[in-house]
């Protein structure tokens, strides 16, 4: 067996395309959750899909992404549940 077989397979055009397609489907699920819970639109505006040579990622580039996704305390002390958009993409 070749020692770099994983790299060879990862760089095959069909594999790269399949990875990108899968990530796009996952990104669609994340986007749907973000859009359904839109408050200001900032999180939706900062949702990105990045495809590199062998992998892809969905990123939510908002300073408050952790509070938005997982929940937080409001100024009045009440708990605001998170939207769990990240989990929708898993």
N, C-alpha and C. Protein backbone atom coordinates (compact mmCIF):
# COMPACT_ATOMS: atom_id res chain seq x y z
N UNK A 1 0.84 -1.17 0.00
CA UNK A 1 0.00 0.00 0.00
C UNK A 1 0.90 1.24 0.00
N UNK A 2 0.46 2.24 -0.72
CA UNK A 2 1.23 3.49 -0.79
C UNK A 2 1.10 4.26 0.52
N UNK A 3 2.19 4.86 0.99
CA UNK A 3 2.11 5.59 2.25
C UNK A 3 1.28 6.87 2.16
N UNK A 4 1.11 7.42 0.99
CA UNK A 4 0.34 8.67 0.85
C UNK A 4 -0.98 8.44 0.12
N UNK A 5 -1.54 7.25 0.26
CA UNK A 5 -2.78 6.91 -0.44
C UNK A 5 -3.92 7.85 -0.05
N UNK A 6 -3.99 8.26 1.22
CA UNK A 6 -5.05 9.17 1.63
C UNK A 6 -4.97 10.50 0.89
N UNK A 7 -3.77 10.98 0.66
CA UNK A 7 -3.59 12.23 -0.07
C UNK A 7 -3.96 12.06 -1.55
N UNK A 8 -3.59 10.94 -2.10
CA UNK A 8 -3.92 10.66 -3.51
C UNK A 8 -5.44 10.65 -3.69
N UNK A 9 -6.13 9.93 -2.82
CA UNK A 9 -7.59 9.84 -2.91
C UNK A 9 -8.23 11.21 -2.67
N UNK A 10 -7.74 11.95 -1.67
CA UNK A 10 -8.32 13.26 -1.34
C UNK A 10 -8.22 14.24 -2.49
N UNK A 11 -7.20 14.09 -3.34
CA UNK A 11 -7.01 15.03 -4.44
C UNK A 11 -7.64 14.57 -5.77
N UNK A 12 -8.31 13.43 -5.75
CA UNK A 12 -8.97 12.96 -6.97
C UNK A 12 -10.15 13.89 -7.27
N UNK A 13 -10.31 14.28 -8.53
CA UNK A 13 -11.40 15.23 -8.87
C UNK A 13 -12.78 14.79 -8.38
N UNK A 14 -13.12 13.53 -8.51
CA UNK A 14 -14.43 13.06 -8.08
C UNK A 14 -14.62 13.15 -6.58
N UNK A 15 -13.56 12.89 -5.83
CA UNK A 15 -13.63 12.98 -4.38
C UNK A 15 -13.76 14.43 -3.96
N UNK A 16 -12.96 15.31 -4.56
CA UNK A 16 -13.05 16.73 -4.24
C UNK A 16 -14.44 17.27 -4.53
N UNK A 17 -15.02 16.86 -5.65
CA UNK A 17 -16.36 17.30 -6.02
C UNK A 17 -17.40 16.78 -5.03
N UNK A 18 -17.28 15.52 -4.62
CA UNK A 18 -18.22 14.94 -3.67
C UNK A 18 -18.15 15.65 -2.32
N UNK A 19 -16.94 15.98 -1.87
CA UNK A 19 -16.78 16.69 -0.61
C UNK A 19 -17.42 18.08 -0.70
N UNK A 20 -17.18 18.79 -1.78
CA UNK A 20 -17.76 20.12 -1.97
C UNK A 20 -19.29 20.05 -2.03
N UNK A 21 -19.83 19.05 -2.72
CA UNK A 21 -21.29 18.89 -2.80
C UNK A 21 -21.90 18.63 -1.43
N UNK A 22 -21.27 17.75 -0.67
CA UNK A 22 -21.77 17.42 0.67
C UNK A 22 -21.75 18.66 1.55
N UNK A 23 -20.69 19.42 1.48
CA UNK A 23 -20.60 20.62 2.30
C UNK A 23 -21.66 21.64 1.89
N UNK A 24 -21.93 21.75 0.62
CA UNK A 24 -22.94 22.69 0.16
C UNK A 24 -24.32 22.32 0.71
N UNK A 25 -24.62 21.02 0.77
CA UNK A 25 -25.90 20.57 1.36
C UNK A 25 -25.95 20.92 2.85
N UNK A 26 -24.84 20.70 3.54
CA UNK A 26 -24.79 21.03 4.96
C UNK A 26 -24.91 22.53 5.17
N UNK A 27 -24.26 23.30 4.31
CA UNK A 27 -24.33 24.76 4.40
C UNK A 27 -25.76 25.24 4.19
N UNK A 28 -26.49 24.60 3.29
CA UNK A 28 -27.89 24.96 3.06
C UNK A 28 -28.71 24.79 4.33
N UNK A 29 -28.44 23.72 5.09
CA UNK A 29 -29.16 23.49 6.34
C UNK A 29 -28.83 24.57 7.37
N UNK A 30 -27.54 24.93 7.44
CA UNK A 30 -27.13 25.99 8.37
C UNK A 30 -27.79 27.31 7.97
N UNK A 31 -27.74 27.62 6.69
CA UNK A 31 -28.36 28.88 6.20
C UNK A 31 -29.85 28.93 6.51
N UNK A 32 -30.54 27.79 6.37
CA UNK A 32 -31.98 27.76 6.64
C UNK A 32 -32.28 28.09 8.09
N UNK A 33 -31.49 27.56 9.00
CA UNK A 33 -31.69 27.85 10.43
C UNK A 33 -31.38 29.32 10.70
N UNK A 34 -30.28 29.81 10.15
CA UNK A 34 -29.90 31.22 10.35
C UNK A 34 -30.99 32.14 9.82
N UNK A 35 -31.49 31.86 8.64
CA UNK A 35 -32.54 32.72 8.04
C UNK A 35 -33.83 32.68 8.85
N UNK A 36 -34.17 31.52 9.39
CA UNK A 36 -35.42 31.39 10.15
C UNK A 36 -35.37 32.16 11.47
N UNK A 37 -34.16 32.41 11.97
CA UNK A 37 -34.02 33.09 13.26
C UNK A 37 -33.36 34.46 13.11
N UNK A 38 -33.50 35.03 11.96
CA UNK A 38 -32.85 36.32 11.69
C UNK A 38 -33.41 37.41 12.59
N UNK A 39 -32.49 38.13 13.22
CA UNK A 39 -32.89 39.30 14.01
C UNK A 39 -32.40 40.57 13.31
N UNK A 40 -31.10 40.65 13.07
CA UNK A 40 -30.55 41.82 12.39
C UNK A 40 -30.07 41.50 10.99
N UNK A 41 -29.84 40.23 10.69
CA UNK A 41 -29.30 39.84 9.39
C UNK A 41 -27.79 39.76 9.39
N UNK A 42 -27.14 40.16 10.47
CA UNK A 42 -25.68 40.16 10.52
C UNK A 42 -25.12 38.75 10.41
N UNK A 43 -25.72 37.80 11.11
CA UNK A 43 -25.19 36.43 11.06
C UNK A 43 -25.34 35.86 9.66
N UNK A 44 -26.48 36.07 9.03
CA UNK A 44 -26.68 35.57 7.67
C UNK A 44 -25.69 36.21 6.70
N UNK A 45 -25.41 37.47 6.89
CA UNK A 45 -24.47 38.17 6.01
C UNK A 45 -23.04 37.68 6.18
N UNK A 46 -22.75 37.06 7.32
CA UNK A 46 -21.41 36.59 7.60
C UNK A 46 -21.28 35.07 7.60
N UNK A 47 -22.20 34.39 6.94
CA UNK A 47 -22.12 32.94 6.79
C UNK A 47 -21.42 32.65 5.48
N UNK A 48 -20.34 31.90 5.55
CA UNK A 48 -19.51 31.64 4.37
C UNK A 48 -19.25 30.16 4.19
N UNK A 49 -19.14 29.76 2.94
CA UNK A 49 -18.70 28.41 2.59
C UNK A 49 -17.36 28.57 1.90
N UNK A 50 -16.38 27.88 2.41
CA UNK A 50 -15.04 27.94 1.81
C UNK A 50 -14.64 26.55 1.36
N UNK A 51 -14.25 26.46 0.10
CA UNK A 51 -13.79 25.19 -0.44
C UNK A 51 -12.32 25.34 -0.81
N UNK A 52 -11.50 24.52 -0.20
CA UNK A 52 -10.07 24.50 -0.48
C UNK A 52 -9.78 23.36 -1.45
N UNK A 53 -8.55 23.00 -1.59
CA UNK A 53 -8.20 21.95 -2.54
C UNK A 53 -8.80 20.60 -2.18
N UNK A 54 -8.83 20.27 -0.89
CA UNK A 54 -9.32 18.95 -0.50
C UNK A 54 -10.45 18.97 0.51
N UNK A 55 -10.80 20.11 1.04
CA UNK A 55 -11.87 20.13 2.03
C UNK A 55 -12.68 21.42 1.92
N UNK A 56 -13.76 21.45 2.67
CA UNK A 56 -14.65 22.61 2.67
C UNK A 56 -15.09 22.88 4.09
N UNK A 57 -15.42 24.13 4.38
CA UNK A 57 -15.91 24.50 5.71
C UNK A 57 -17.04 25.51 5.59
N UNK A 58 -17.93 25.47 6.55
CA UNK A 58 -18.96 26.49 6.70
C UNK A 58 -18.54 27.31 7.90
N UNK A 59 -18.48 28.63 7.75
CA UNK A 59 -18.11 29.48 8.87
C UNK A 59 -19.19 30.52 9.12
N UNK A 60 -19.40 30.78 10.38
CA UNK A 60 -20.31 31.83 10.82
C UNK A 60 -19.43 32.89 11.45
N UNK A 61 -19.18 33.96 10.71
CA UNK A 61 -18.22 34.97 11.12
C UNK A 61 -18.92 36.18 11.74
N UNK A 62 -19.42 35.99 12.93
CA UNK A 62 -20.09 37.07 13.65
C UNK A 62 -19.52 37.08 15.06
N UNK A 63 -19.22 38.23 15.62
CA UNK A 63 -18.65 38.27 16.97
C UNK A 63 -19.53 37.60 18.02
N UNK A 64 -20.81 37.54 17.80
CA UNK A 64 -21.73 36.97 18.79
C UNK A 64 -22.18 35.55 18.42
N UNK A 65 -21.45 34.88 17.55
CA UNK A 65 -21.91 33.59 17.05
C UNK A 65 -22.11 32.56 18.17
N UNK A 66 -21.28 32.54 19.17
CA UNK A 66 -21.45 31.56 20.24
C UNK A 66 -22.74 31.81 21.01
N UNK A 67 -23.00 33.05 21.35
CA UNK A 67 -24.22 33.39 22.07
C UNK A 67 -25.45 33.12 21.22
N UNK A 68 -25.37 33.46 19.94
CA UNK A 68 -26.50 33.23 19.03
C UNK A 68 -26.75 31.75 18.86
N UNK A 69 -25.71 30.98 18.69
CA UNK A 69 -25.87 29.55 18.43
C UNK A 69 -26.26 28.76 19.68
N UNK A 70 -25.60 29.04 20.81
CA UNK A 70 -25.79 28.21 22.00
C UNK A 70 -26.70 28.82 23.06
N UNK A 71 -27.02 30.10 22.93
CA UNK A 71 -27.88 30.76 23.90
C UNK A 71 -27.09 31.70 24.79
N UNK A 72 -27.82 32.59 25.48
CA UNK A 72 -27.17 33.58 26.33
C UNK A 72 -28.20 34.20 27.27
N UNK A 73 -27.69 34.90 28.26
CA UNK A 73 -28.56 35.64 29.17
C UNK A 73 -28.84 37.01 28.58
N UNK A 74 -30.09 37.38 28.57
CA UNK A 74 -30.49 38.72 28.12
C UNK A 74 -30.16 39.72 29.23
N UNK A 75 -30.14 41.00 28.89
CA UNK A 75 -29.86 42.02 29.93
C UNK A 75 -30.79 41.94 31.13
N UNK A 76 -32.01 41.45 30.92
CA UNK A 76 -32.95 41.34 32.04
C UNK A 76 -32.77 40.05 32.84
N UNK A 77 -31.76 39.25 32.48
CA UNK A 77 -31.47 38.01 33.22
C UNK A 77 -32.19 36.78 32.69
N UNK A 78 -33.04 36.96 31.72
CA UNK A 78 -33.77 35.84 31.14
C UNK A 78 -32.88 35.08 30.16
N UNK A 79 -33.00 33.77 30.13
CA UNK A 79 -32.23 32.94 29.21
C UNK A 79 -32.84 33.01 27.81
N UNK A 80 -32.00 33.28 26.82
CA UNK A 80 -32.42 33.30 25.42
C UNK A 80 -31.83 32.05 24.78
N UNK A 81 -32.67 31.11 24.33
CA UNK A 81 -32.15 29.88 23.76
C UNK A 81 -31.37 30.15 22.46
N UNK A 82 -30.41 29.29 22.20
CA UNK A 82 -29.64 29.40 20.97
C UNK A 82 -30.40 28.84 19.78
N UNK A 83 -29.93 29.18 18.58
CA UNK A 83 -30.60 28.71 17.37
C UNK A 83 -30.04 27.38 16.88
N UNK A 84 -28.87 26.98 17.33
CA UNK A 84 -28.24 25.70 17.01
C UNK A 84 -28.07 25.48 15.51
N UNK A 85 -27.65 26.54 14.82
CA UNK A 85 -27.40 26.45 13.37
C UNK A 85 -26.21 25.55 13.07
N UNK A 86 -25.19 25.60 13.90
CA UNK A 86 -24.00 24.77 13.67
C UNK A 86 -24.37 23.30 13.68
N UNK A 87 -25.20 22.92 14.64
CA UNK A 87 -25.61 21.52 14.73
C UNK A 87 -26.43 21.07 13.54
N UNK A 88 -27.13 22.00 12.91
CA UNK A 88 -27.93 21.66 11.72
C UNK A 88 -27.06 21.19 10.57
N UNK A 89 -25.82 21.62 10.57
CA UNK A 89 -24.91 21.24 9.50
C UNK A 89 -24.14 19.96 9.76
N UNK A 90 -24.33 19.36 10.92
CA UNK A 90 -23.59 18.13 11.24
C UNK A 90 -24.20 16.92 10.61
